[in-house]
Amino acid sequence: MNIVTLLPFIVLIGAMFLMTRSAKNKQRQAVQMRESMQPGSGVRTIGGMYATVKEVHEDTVLLEVAPGVHAVYAKNAVGAVLDDDEYNRIVHGIDPEATDTDSDTPVVPDDASSLTDPGSSADAEAGKTDLTKPGADAKRPEDGKGDSDAK
């Protein structure tokens, strides 16, 4: 037999060997990652949900998906165990590298009440905007259809 005829088969067998070895390494790393889970760890499921580990059992894990909301998942459903900094950055928006002394960062309120509450400042009273229509206090016509020029 000619070596040129056997060469494609040799290359195919070698490629299959490398793929199998790579898959086994990935599987071993996934098992090690899942074994490193402990209560308090932040995780991402294979579906993309972020949660905190509450309990770890042999084949399952109890995850807190929201404050007070718990769900039981198979360990195989955990796609990644995240370090605390990454979990806090993604879930809570806390950047560990940001400092409180950044004066360039504007303070954004959580709700609009601070934008509408004038407080005790006299300048806030002067900055009020009147949003009422001119003549809004005028009486409507008796027929109830509104202004006479509205059609």
C-alpha atoms as a PDB file:
ATOM      1  CA  MET A   1       0.000   0.000   0.000  1.00  0.00           C
ATOM      2  CA  ASN A   2       1.014   3.487  -0.675  1.00  0.00           C
ATOM      3  CA  ILE A   3       1.714   5.901   2.233  1.00  0.00           C
ATOM      4  CA  VAL A   4      -0.203   8.640   0.418  1.00  0.00           C
ATOM      5  CA  THR A   5      -3.353   6.500   0.666  1.00  0.00           C
ATOM      6  CA  LEU A   6      -2.947   6.027   4.429  1.00  0.00           C
ATOM      7  CA  LEU A   7      -2.072   9.645   5.195  1.00  0.00           C
ATOM      8  CA  PRO A   8      -5.692  10.995   5.350  1.00  0.00           C
ATOM      9  CA  PHE A   9      -6.672   8.219   7.773  1.00  0.00           C
ATOM     10  CA  ILE A  10      -3.681   8.921  10.017  1.00  0.00           C
ATOM     11  CA  VAL A  11      -4.530  12.642  10.081  1.00  0.00           C
ATOM     12  CA  LEU A  12      -8.186  11.864  10.885  1.00  0.00           C
ATOM     13  CA  ILE A  13      -7.278   9.545  13.771  1.00  0.00           C
ATOM     14  CA  GLY A  14      -4.833  12.120  15.165  1.00  0.00           C
ATOM     15  CA  ALA A  15      -7.465  14.875  14.996  1.00  0.00           C
ATOM     16  CA  MET A  16     -10.019  12.681  16.770  1.00  0.00           C
ATOM     17  CA  PHE A  17      -7.489  11.949  19.507  1.00  0.00           C
ATOM     18  CA  LEU A  18      -6.796  15.668  20.053  1.00  0.00           C
ATOM     19  CA  MET A  19     -10.504  16.551  20.103  1.00  0.00           C
ATOM     20  CA  THR A  20     -11.255  13.812  22.635  1.00  0.00           C
ATOM     21  CA  ARG A  21      -8.394  14.935  24.852  1.00  0.00           C
ATOM     22  CA  SER A  22      -9.545  18.559  24.702  1.00  0.00           C
ATOM     23  CA  ALA A  23     -13.134  17.597  25.547  1.00  0.00           C
ATOM     24  CA  LYS A  24     -11.955  15.546  28.526  1.00  0.00           C
ATOM     25  CA  ASN A  25      -9.902  18.483  29.815  1.00  0.00           C
ATOM     26  CA  LYS A  26     -12.909  20.812  29.548  1.00  0.00           C
ATOM     27  CA  GLN A  27     -15.114  18.285  31.323  1.00  0.00           C
ATOM     28  CA  ARG A  28     -12.564  17.868  34.105  1.00  0.00           C
ATOM     29  CA  GLN A  29     -12.319  21.657  34.550  1.00  0.00           C
ATOM     30  CA  ALA A  30     -16.121  21.936  34.706  1.00  0.00           C
ATOM     31  CA  VAL A  31     -16.272  19.276  37.440  1.00  0.00           C
ATOM     32  CA  GLN A  32     -13.546  21.080  39.419  1.00  0.00           C
ATOM     33  CA  MET A  33     -15.400  24.389  39.025  1.00  0.00           C
ATOM     34  CA  ARG A  34     -18.658  22.876  40.276  1.00  0.00           C
ATOM     35  CA  GLU A  35     -16.855  21.261  43.206  1.00  0.00           C
ATOM     36  CA  SER A  36     -15.506  24.688  44.203  1.00  0.00           C
ATOM     37  CA  MET A  37     -19.061  25.955  44.795  1.00  0.00           C
ATOM     38  CA  GLN A  38     -19.799  26.740  48.398  1.00  0.00           C
ATOM     39  CA  PRO A  39     -22.551  28.705  50.162  1.00  0.00           C
ATOM     40  CA  GLY A  40     -22.175  32.404  49.395  1.00  0.00           C
ATOM     41  CA  SER A  41     -20.567  31.897  45.981  1.00  0.00           C
ATOM     42  CA  GLY A  42     -21.990  33.834  43.054  1.00  0.00           C
ATOM     43  CA  VAL A  43     -22.809  31.678  40.011  1.00  0.00           C
ATOM     44  CA  ARG A  44     -24.143  31.990  36.463  1.00  0.00           C
ATOM     45  CA  THR A  45     -26.324  29.172  35.178  1.00  0.00           C
ATOM     46  CA  ILE A  46     -26.056  27.824  31.643  1.00  0.00           C
ATOM     47  CA  GLY A  47     -29.300  29.723  30.970  1.00  0.00           C
ATOM     48  CA  GLY A  48     -27.616  33.017  31.919  1.00  0.00           C
ATOM     49  CA  MET A  49     -29.237  33.574  35.332  1.00  0.00           C
ATOM     50  CA  TYR A  50     -27.092  34.983  38.125  1.00  0.00           C
ATOM     51  CA  ALA A  51     -27.679  33.686  41.653  1.00  0.00           C
ATOM     52  CA  THR A  52     -26.064  33.084  45.025  1.00  0.00           C
ATOM     53  CA  VAL A  53     -25.395  29.552  46.286  1.00  0.00           C
ATOM     54  CA  LYS A  54     -27.233  28.774  49.521  1.00  0.00           C
ATOM     55  CA  GLU A  55     -26.717  24.994  49.864  1.00  0.00           C
ATOM     56  CA  VAL A  56     -24.665  22.430  47.959  1.00  0.00           C
ATOM     57  CA  HIS A  57     -25.818  18.806  47.804  1.00  0.00           C
ATOM     58  CA  GLU A  58     -24.463  15.784  45.951  1.00  0.00           C
ATOM     59  CA  ASP A  59     -26.187  16.392  42.605  1.00  0.00           C
ATOM     60  CA  THR A  60     -28.136  19.600  43.262  1.00  0.00           C
ATOM     61  CA  VAL A  61     -27.567  23.111  44.485  1.00  0.00           C
ATOM     62  CA  LEU A  62     -29.986  25.530  46.169  1.00  0.00           C
ATOM     63  CA  LEU A  63     -29.694  28.977  44.592  1.00  0.00           C
ATOM     64  CA  GLU A  64     -31.088  32.294  45.779  1.00  0.00           C
ATOM     65  CA  VAL A  65     -32.202  33.960  42.546  1.00  0.00           C
ATOM     66  CA  ALA A  66     -33.629  37.057  44.289  1.00  0.00           C
ATOM     67  CA  PRO A  67     -33.814  38.092  47.934  1.00  0.00           C
ATOM     68  CA  GLY A  68     -35.923  35.401  49.616  1.00  0.00           C
ATOM     69  CA  VAL A  69     -36.520  33.460  46.371  1.00  0.00           C
ATOM     70  CA  HIS A  70     -34.831  30.027  46.290  1.00  0.00           C
ATOM     71  CA  ALA A  71     -34.701  27.408  43.546  1.00  0.00           C
ATOM     72  CA  VAL A  72     -33.136  23.955  43.314  1.00  0.00           C
ATOM     73  CA  TYR A  73     -30.897  23.373  40.272  1.00  0.00           C
ATOM     74  CA  ALA A  74     -28.827  20.451  39.079  1.00  0.00           C
ATOM     75  CA  LYS A  75     -25.124  21.059  39.552  1.00  0.00           C
ATOM     76  CA  ASN A  76     -24.686  20.561  35.806  1.00  0.00           C
ATOM     77  CA  ALA A  77     -26.863  23.656  35.231  1.00  0.00           C
ATOM     78  CA  VAL A  78     -24.175  25.885  36.745  1.00  0.00           C
ATOM     79  CA  GLY A  79     -22.112  27.323  33.921  1.00  0.00           C
ATOM     80  CA  ALA A  80     -19.630  29.371  35.950  1.00  0.00           C
ATOM     81  CA  VAL A  81     -18.659  30.100  39.527  1.00  0.00           C
ATOM     82  CA  LEU A  82     -17.821  33.806  39.701  1.00  0.00           C
ATOM     83  CA  ASP A  83     -15.434  35.574  42.034  1.00  0.00           C
ATOM     84  CA  ASP A  84     -16.997  38.113  44.389  1.00  0.00           C
ATOM     85  CA  ASP A  85     -15.806  41.205  42.486  1.00  0.00           C
ATOM     86  CA  GLU A  86     -17.192  40.004  39.158  1.00  0.00           C
ATOM     87  CA  TYR A  87     -20.515  38.902  40.693  1.00  0.00           C
ATOM     88  CA  ASN A  88     -20.983  42.252  42.474  1.00  0.00           C
ATOM     89  CA  ARG A  89     -20.070  44.173  39.322  1.00  0.00           C
ATOM     90  CA  ILE A  90     -22.592  42.270  37.182  1.00  0.00           C
ATOM     91  CA  VAL A  91     -25.481  41.808  39.611  1.00  0.00           C
ATOM     92  CA  HIS A  92     -25.248  44.843  41.894  1.00  0.00           C
ATOM     93  CA  GLY A  93     -23.385  47.274  39.644  1.00  0.00           C
ATOM     94  CA  ILE A  94     -20.609  47.678  42.210  1.00  0.00           C
ATOM     95  CA  ASP A  95     -17.266  48.434  40.614  1.00  0.00           C
ATOM     96  CA  PRO A  96     -14.461  47.488  43.041  1.00  0.00           C
ATOM     97  CA  GLU A  97     -12.002  49.782  41.259  1.00  0.00           C
ATOM     98  CA  ALA A  98     -14.214  52.862  41.579  1.00  0.00           C
ATOM     99  CA  THR A  99     -13.546  55.033  44.574  1.00  0.00           C
ATOM    100  CA  ASP A 100     -15.893  57.310  46.513  1.00  0.00           C
ATOM    101  CA  THR A 101     -13.603  60.297  45.921  1.00  0.00           C
ATOM    102  CA  ASP A 102     -14.476  60.567  42.213  1.00  0.00           C
ATOM    103  CA  SER A 103     -15.840  64.101  41.941  1.00  0.00           C
ATOM    104  CA  ASP A 104     -16.283  63.784  38.158  1.00  0.00           C
ATOM    105  CA  THR A 105     -19.038  61.198  38.549  1.00  0.00           C
ATOM    106  CA  PRO A 106     -22.473  62.796  38.836  1.00  0.00           C
ATOM    107  CA  VAL A 107     -24.803  61.584  41.553  1.00  0.00           C
ATOM    108  CA  VAL A 108     -27.931  60.064  40.030  1.00  0.00           C
ATOM    109  CA  PRO A 109     -30.950  59.714  42.327  1.00  0.00           C
ATOM    110  CA  ASP A 110     -32.753  56.369  42.618  1.00  0.00           C
ATOM    111  CA  ASP A 111     -36.147  58.002  42.090  1.00  0.00           C
ATOM    112  CA  ALA A 112     -37.613  61.266  40.866  1.00  0.00           C
ATOM    113  CA  SER A 113     -38.724  62.517  44.303  1.00  0.00           C
ATOM    114  CA  SER A 114     -35.479  64.385  44.804  1.00  0.00           C
ATOM    115  CA  LEU A 115     -36.033  66.154  41.496  1.00  0.00           C
ATOM    116  CA  THR A 116     -39.505  67.393  42.442  1.00  0.00           C
ATOM    117  CA  ASP A 117     -39.039  67.979  46.195  1.00  0.00           C
ATOM    118  CA  PRO A 118     -37.918  71.603  46.619  1.00  0.00           C
ATOM    119  CA  GLY A 119     -36.742  71.066  50.186  1.00  0.00           C
ATOM    120  CA  SER A 120     -35.956  74.174  52.251  1.00  0.00           C
ATOM    121  CA  SER A 121     -33.882  75.991  49.652  1.00  0.00           C
ATOM    122  CA  ALA A 122     -35.116  79.405  48.491  1.00  0.00           C
ATOM    123  CA  ASP A 123     -33.377  78.871  45.144  1.00  0.00           C
ATOM    124  CA  ALA A 124     -35.488  75.784  44.530  1.00  0.00           C
ATOM    125  CA  GLU A 125     -38.661  77.879  44.781  1.00  0.00           C
ATOM    126  CA  ALA A 126     -37.337  80.318  42.174  1.00  0.00           C
ATOM    127  CA  GLY A 127     -36.461  77.454  39.816  1.00  0.00           C
ATOM    128  CA  LYS A 128     -39.987  75.998  39.671  1.00  0.00           C
ATOM    129  CA  THR A 129     -41.579  75.673  36.271  1.00  0.00           C
ATOM    130  CA  ASP A 130     -45.291  76.275  35.756  1.00  0.00           C
ATOM    131  CA  LEU A 131     -46.637  73.409  33.636  1.00  0.00           C
ATOM    132  CA  THR A 132     -50.299  74.469  33.567  1.00  0.00           C
ATOM    133  CA  LYS A 133     -51.923  75.688  30.374  1.00  0.00           C
ATOM    134  CA  PRO A 134     -52.628  79.362  30.112  1.00  0.00           C
ATOM    135  CA  GLY A 135     -56.328  79.899  30.825  1.00  0.00           C
ATOM    136  CA  ALA A 136     -56.724  76.420  32.330  1.00  0.00           C
ATOM    137  CA  ASP A 137     -58.753  77.945  35.136  1.00  0.00           C
ATOM    138  CA  ALA A 138     -61.314  79.374  32.696  1.00  0.00           C
ATOM    139  CA  LYS A 139     -64.690  77.656  32.646  1.00  0.00           C
ATOM    140  CA  ARG A 140     -65.504  75.248  29.862  1.00  0.00           C
ATOM    141  CA  PRO A 141     -68.486  75.967  27.616  1.00  0.00           C
ATOM    142  CA  GLU A 142     -71.809  74.561  28.774  1.00  0.00           C
ATOM    143  CA  ASP A 143     -72.072  72.015  25.941  1.00  0.00           C
ATOM    144  CA  GLY A 144     -69.012  70.168  27.304  1.00  0.00           C
ATOM    145  CA  LYS A 145     -67.240  70.034  23.960  1.00  0.00           C
ATOM    146  CA  GLY A 146     -64.290  72.184  24.986  1.00  0.00           C
ATOM    147  CA  ASP A 147     -63.078  75.323  23.237  1.00  0.00           C
ATOM    148  CA  SER A 148     -65.161  76.620  20.369  1.00  0.00           C
ATOM    149  CA  ASP A 149     -62.251  76.543  17.869  1.00  0.00           C
ATOM    150  CA  ALA A 150     -61.456  72.868  18.581  1.00  0.00           C
ATOM    151  CA  LYS A 151     -63.019  70.585  15.961  1.00  0.00           C
END
